[in-house]
Amino acid sequence: IGNLSTGHYYFFRVSAWNSQGYGQPQFSSPPSLNPHKPPSAPTGVEVKVTSETMLTVGWHPPSNNGGDQIRKYRVEWDTRASFESANSPPHKGYIDVDAEENSSHTITMLSPDKVYFIRIFAFNSAGLGDPAVSDPLYVSTSNQVPGIVQGVAIHESSSSSGSLDVKWQRPLIPHHGIPCFGTLDKPRECPSRYGSTLRSSDGGEPILEYQVEYNERSDYRGTDGGRKIVSTTYTTIDQLTSGRNYYIRVLARNTVGSGPYTTGYRVVAP
């Protein structure tokens, strides 16, 4: 049956006919089906360095799903652009991930002495579509600065007037902004590096300290402000001017350098 619309579901039944007329119809199995073909290549494929042993690749859905739901994505990597090297895992391989739960994936156990090429395929029920290569085309691993700290909470301090308690959590997403796994709306934790329990959203090096900056101006150039450096995930800012607006932001730092600041939080000093 030709001239059907791609992606639309059609129902079918068959009836036999003789001189007495048509008999009872028999419905098809499956009862309906949509004309479809493999999807086009994923779009917006980016690869970023997460640590000395990890690369994270992110992508967006294909511009054409082939008339069927995208069910999986295949992440493939190799040390050659042909993806036909004689390497064995972990320097060559692929993994299929669920399309509803993932728009990024982190490849682990890599070596800083090699360059890696990455490409992404989309799957629907018709099979594998064309691949999209990453931007940049190839990359090597190295340790990085930490990601953005999360969960910043600021409250009036019980210690004295003119004081604010600031608390936060360690980074969940690496400094480049692509979640190690999951999606931007539902990011999941980065892998721990080999032999450690620390998550690699720290850039591959342990976080040594956090810097808390506060100021009366949103550009942090006012005269009423300062910085505090602590090794914990909390601190108290004292001697603020009661009733004045302050902007507060936090960053994490390791031996590579300082990660990006959080957005500035505006609060009124008690």
Protein backbone atom coordinates (compact mmCIF):
# COMPACT_ATOMS: atom_id res chain seq x y z
CA ILE A 1 0.00 0.00 0.00
CA GLY A 2 1.67 3.20 -1.14
CA ASN A 3 1.30 6.94 -0.65
CA LEU A 4 0.90 6.68 3.13
CA SER A 5 2.08 9.39 5.50
CA THR A 6 5.30 8.63 7.36
CA GLY A 7 4.80 8.30 11.10
CA HIS A 8 1.01 7.98 11.00
CA TYR A 9 -0.48 4.80 12.40
CA TYR A 10 -2.74 2.77 10.10
CA PHE A 11 -5.10 -0.09 10.97
CA PHE A 12 -5.70 -3.00 8.62
CA ARG A 13 -8.22 -5.80 8.20
CA VAL A 14 -8.87 -8.36 5.47
CA SER A 15 -12.16 -9.88 4.35
CA ALA A 16 -12.71 -12.74 1.88
CA TRP A 17 -15.33 -12.40 -0.87
CA ASN A 18 -17.31 -14.89 -2.91
CA SER A 19 -20.59 -14.78 -4.84
CA GLN A 20 -22.45 -14.50 -1.55
CA GLY A 21 -20.57 -11.42 -0.46
CA TYR A 22 -17.87 -10.52 2.07
CA GLY A 23 -17.15 -12.65 5.11
CA GLN A 24 -16.14 -11.49 8.57
CA PRO A 25 -12.90 -9.44 8.56
CA GLN A 26 -9.67 -10.60 10.15
CA PHE A 27 -7.66 -7.82 11.80
CA SER A 28 -3.93 -7.58 11.26
CA SER A 29 -1.23 -8.48 13.74
CA PRO A 30 -0.02 -6.07 15.02
CA PRO A 31 -3.35 -4.21 14.82
CA SER A 32 -1.65 -1.02 13.58
CA LEU A 33 1.70 0.10 12.20
CA ASN A 34 3.35 3.35 11.16
CA PRO A 35 5.38 3.70 7.96
CA HIS A 36 8.88 4.57 9.16
CA LYS A 37 12.57 4.41 8.41
CA PRO A 38 15.79 4.85 10.42
CA PRO A 39 16.23 8.35 11.87
CA SER A 40 18.61 11.03 10.70
CA ALA A 41 21.78 11.77 12.64
CA PRO A 42 21.61 13.35 16.13
CA THR A 43 22.27 17.08 16.25
CA GLY A 44 24.47 19.30 18.41
CA VAL A 45 26.98 16.59 19.35
CA GLU A 46 29.63 18.05 21.66
CA VAL A 47 32.48 16.34 23.50
CA LYS A 48 34.07 17.90 26.58
CA VAL A 49 36.95 16.92 28.84
CA THR A 50 35.75 15.94 32.33
CA SER A 51 38.97 14.61 33.87
CA GLU A 52 42.27 12.90 33.06
CA THR A 53 40.41 9.65 32.38
CA MET A 54 36.94 10.80 31.30
CA LEU A 55 35.22 12.47 28.36
CA THR A 56 31.58 13.57 28.37
CA VAL A 57 29.55 13.77 25.18
CA GLY A 58 26.19 15.53 24.86
CA TRP A 59 23.69 15.64 21.99
CA HIS A 60 20.23 16.68 20.84
CA PRO A 61 17.59 14.60 19.02
CA PRO A 62 17.71 14.12 15.24
CA SER A 63 15.90 16.65 13.08
CA ASN A 64 13.96 13.73 11.57
CA ASN A 65 12.98 10.74 13.71
CA GLY A 66 12.10 8.68 10.61
CA GLY A 67 8.43 8.57 11.58
CA ASP A 68 9.01 6.64 14.78
CA GLN A 69 10.00 7.32 18.39
CA ILE A 70 13.74 7.50 19.13
CA ARG A 71 14.33 4.65 21.56
CA LYS A 72 18.12 4.60 22.07
CA TYR A 73 21.33 6.39 21.25
CA ARG A 74 24.63 4.67 20.54
CA VAL A 75 27.82 6.35 21.77
CA GLU A 76 30.89 5.04 19.94
CA TRP A 77 34.52 6.02 20.49
CA ASP A 78 37.89 5.06 19.02
CA THR A 79 41.43 6.37 18.66
CA ARG A 80 41.04 6.58 14.87
CA ALA A 81 38.66 8.67 12.79
CA SER A 82 37.72 5.55 10.80
CA PHE A 83 36.53 3.86 14.03
CA GLU A 84 38.36 0.76 12.81
CA SER A 85 41.42 0.67 15.06
CA ALA A 86 42.73 -2.59 16.48
CA ASN A 87 42.35 -1.23 20.03
CA SER A 88 40.35 -3.04 22.66
CA PRO A 89 38.25 -1.44 25.43
CA PRO A 90 38.49 0.99 27.12
CA HIS A 91 40.17 2.85 24.24
CA LYS A 92 37.57 1.67 21.72
CA GLY A 93 33.96 0.67 22.19
CA TYR A 94 30.31 1.65 22.16
CA ILE A 95 27.37 1.74 24.52
CA ASP A 96 23.62 2.05 23.89
CA VAL A 97 21.69 4.35 26.24
CA ASP A 98 17.97 4.94 26.73
CA ALA A 99 16.77 7.96 24.74
CA GLU A 100 14.15 9.12 27.26
CA GLU A 101 16.60 9.19 30.16
CA ASN A 102 19.82 10.41 28.54
CA SER A 103 21.10 13.24 26.39
CA SER A 104 24.71 12.79 27.53
CA HIS A 105 27.14 10.07 28.51
CA THR A 106 30.60 9.89 30.11
CA ILE A 107 33.27 7.54 28.79
CA THR A 108 35.68 6.35 31.48
CA MET A 109 39.08 4.65 31.88
CA LEU A 110 40.66 6.67 29.08
CA SER A 111 44.30 7.74 28.76
CA PRO A 112 45.74 11.27 28.42
CA ASP A 113 48.34 9.83 26.04
CA LYS A 114 45.74 9.18 23.32
CA VAL A 115 43.31 11.18 21.21
CA TYR A 116 39.71 10.01 20.91
CA PHE A 117 37.08 10.33 18.20
CA ILE A 118 33.41 10.07 19.12
CA ARG A 119 30.22 9.67 17.13
CA ILE A 120 26.55 9.24 18.04
CA PHE A 121 23.77 7.23 16.35
CA ALA A 122 20.02 7.34 16.99
CA PHE A 123 17.82 4.21 17.04
CA ASN A 124 14.15 3.74 16.30
CA SER A 125 12.27 0.51 15.63
CA ALA A 126 13.55 0.53 12.01
CA GLY A 127 17.15 0.39 13.23
CA LEU A 128 20.27 2.51 13.39
CA GLY A 129 20.40 5.89 11.66
CA ASP A 130 23.38 7.79 10.29
CA PRO A 131 26.10 8.87 12.76
CA ALA A 132 27.01 12.41 13.79
CA VAL A 133 30.63 13.06 14.72
CA SER A 134 31.45 15.22 17.71
CA ASP A 135 32.57 18.82 17.86
CA PRO A 136 35.52 19.07 18.23
CA LEU A 137 36.39 16.12 16.00
CA TYR A 138 38.87 14.65 18.49
CA VAL A 139 40.07 15.37 22.00
CA SER A 140 42.52 14.22 24.68
CA THR A 141 41.86 13.93 28.39
CA SER A 142 43.33 16.02 31.21
CA ASN A 143 42.31 17.07 34.70
CA GLN A 144 40.06 20.13 34.88
CA VAL A 145 38.76 22.78 37.27
CA PRO A 146 35.72 21.80 39.37
CA GLY A 147 32.14 22.29 38.26
CA ILE A 148 29.65 24.79 39.68
CA VAL A 149 28.66 24.16 43.28
CA GLN A 150 24.96 23.47 43.82
CA GLY A 151 22.25 23.90 46.40
CA VAL A 152 23.35 27.28 47.75
CA ALA A 153 21.21 28.27 50.74
CA ILE A 154 21.51 31.55 52.65
CA HIS A 155 19.84 32.22 56.02
CA GLU A 156 20.00 34.72 58.83
CA SER A 157 22.65 33.66 61.32
CA SER A 158 21.74 33.06 64.94
CA SER A 159 25.22 34.11 66.05
CA SER A 160 24.76 37.88 65.76
CA SER A 161 22.93 40.61 63.84
CA GLY A 162 24.44 41.57 60.50
CA SER A 163 25.46 37.95 59.87
CA LEU A 164 24.40 35.39 57.24
CA ASP A 165 24.94 31.62 57.17
CA VAL A 166 25.80 30.30 53.71
CA LYS A 167 25.67 26.58 52.88
CA TRP A 168 26.13 24.68 49.62
CA GLN A 169 26.85 21.26 48.11
CA ARG A 170 29.75 20.05 46.00
CA PRO A 171 29.37 20.18 42.19
CA LEU A 172 27.06 17.71 40.45
CA ILE A 173 27.79 18.72 36.84
CA PRO A 174 31.35 19.23 35.49
CA HIS A 175 32.67 22.70 34.70
CA HIS A 176 31.73 22.41 31.00
CA GLY A 177 28.01 22.25 31.83
CA ILE A 178 27.15 18.88 30.28
CA PRO A 179 25.85 16.33 32.82
CA CYS A 180 27.91 13.16 33.03
CA PHE A 181 24.70 11.13 32.62
CA GLY A 182 21.00 11.88 32.30
CA THR A 183 19.66 15.21 31.05
CA LEU A 184 19.99 18.86 32.03
CA ASP A 185 16.61 18.61 33.77
CA LYS A 186 17.53 15.36 35.53
CA PRO A 187 21.34 15.14 35.77
CA ARG A 188 22.92 12.14 37.46
CA GLU A 189 26.17 11.86 39.41
CA CYS A 190 29.50 11.62 37.60
CA PRO A 191 31.48 8.39 37.90
CA SER A 192 34.12 8.00 40.57
CA ARG A 193 37.62 7.79 39.22
CA TYR A 194 39.50 4.53 39.55
CA GLY A 195 40.59 3.82 43.12
CA SER A 196 38.59 6.71 44.60
CA THR A 197 35.11 7.41 45.92
CA LEU A 198 35.21 11.06 44.79
CA ARG A 199 32.93 11.98 41.90
CA SER A 200 34.65 13.44 38.85
CA SER A 201 32.51 16.58 38.77
CA ASP A 202 35.48 17.90 40.76
CA GLY A 203 37.53 17.86 37.53
CA GLY A 204 39.60 14.81 38.46
CA GLU A 205 41.38 16.47 41.38
CA PRO A 206 39.99 16.77 44.91
CA ILE A 207 38.39 20.08 45.82
CA LEU A 208 40.77 21.88 48.16
CA GLU A 209 38.69 24.90 49.08
CA TYR A 210 35.64 27.01 48.34
CA GLN A 211 35.58 30.76 47.83
CA VAL A 212 32.56 32.78 48.94
CA GLU A 213 32.35 36.33 47.59
CA TYR A 214 29.88 38.94 48.81
CA ASN A 215 29.32 42.54 47.79
CA GLU A 216 26.77 45.32 47.87
CA ARG A 217 26.83 45.49 44.05
CA SER A 218 25.87 42.80 41.56
CA ASP A 219 29.15 43.33 39.65
CA TYR A 220 31.07 42.77 42.92
CA ARG A 221 32.94 46.06 42.55
CA GLY A 222 31.43 47.88 45.50
CA THR A 223 33.43 48.98 48.53
CA ASP A 224 31.27 46.98 50.97
CA GLY A 225 32.22 43.38 50.28
CA GLY A 226 34.83 40.70 50.64
CA ARG A 227 35.81 37.07 50.13
CA LYS A 228 36.07 34.09 52.42
CA ILE A 229 38.01 30.91 51.65
CA VAL A 230 36.97 27.76 53.51
CA SER A 231 37.52 24.01 53.21
CA THR A 232 33.98 23.17 54.36
CA THR A 233 30.66 23.53 52.53
CA TYR A 234 29.39 26.24 54.85
CA THR A 235 30.48 29.55 56.37
CA THR A 236 29.14 32.61 58.15
CA ILE A 237 29.56 36.13 56.78
CA ASP A 238 29.79 38.65 59.61
CA GLN A 239 29.77 42.42 60.03
CA LEU A 240 27.30 43.17 57.26
CA THR A 241 25.33 46.40 57.23
CA SER A 242 21.84 45.61 58.49
CA GLY A 243 19.12 46.27 55.91
CA ARG A 244 21.53 46.50 52.98
CA ASN A 245 21.27 44.32 49.86
CA TYR A 246 24.18 41.97 49.28
CA TYR A 247 25.03 39.65 46.41
CA ILE A 248 26.67 36.32 47.28
CA ARG A 249 28.29 33.71 45.03
CA VAL A 250 30.43 30.61 45.55
CA LEU A 251 33.07 28.69 43.58
CA ALA A 252 35.10 25.52 44.10
CA ARG A 253 38.87 25.25 43.61
CA ASN A 254 41.31 22.35 43.08
CA THR A 255 44.99 22.16 42.10
CA VAL A 256 44.12 22.93 38.46
CA GLY A 257 42.34 26.17 39.33
CA SER A 258 39.02 27.79 40.15
CA GLY A 259 35.73 26.56 38.76
CA PRO A 260 33.00 28.93 37.63
CA TYR A 261 31.05 30.97 40.18
CA THR A 262 27.43 30.26 40.89
CA THR A 263 24.95 32.93 39.94
CA GLY A 264 24.78 35.76 42.45
CA TYR A 265 22.14 35.45 45.18
CA ARG A 266 20.65 38.73 46.42
CA VAL A 267 19.83 38.88 50.13
CA VAL A 268 19.13 41.58 52.69
CA ALA A 269 21.43 41.58 55.69
CA PRO A 270 19.49 41.10 58.93
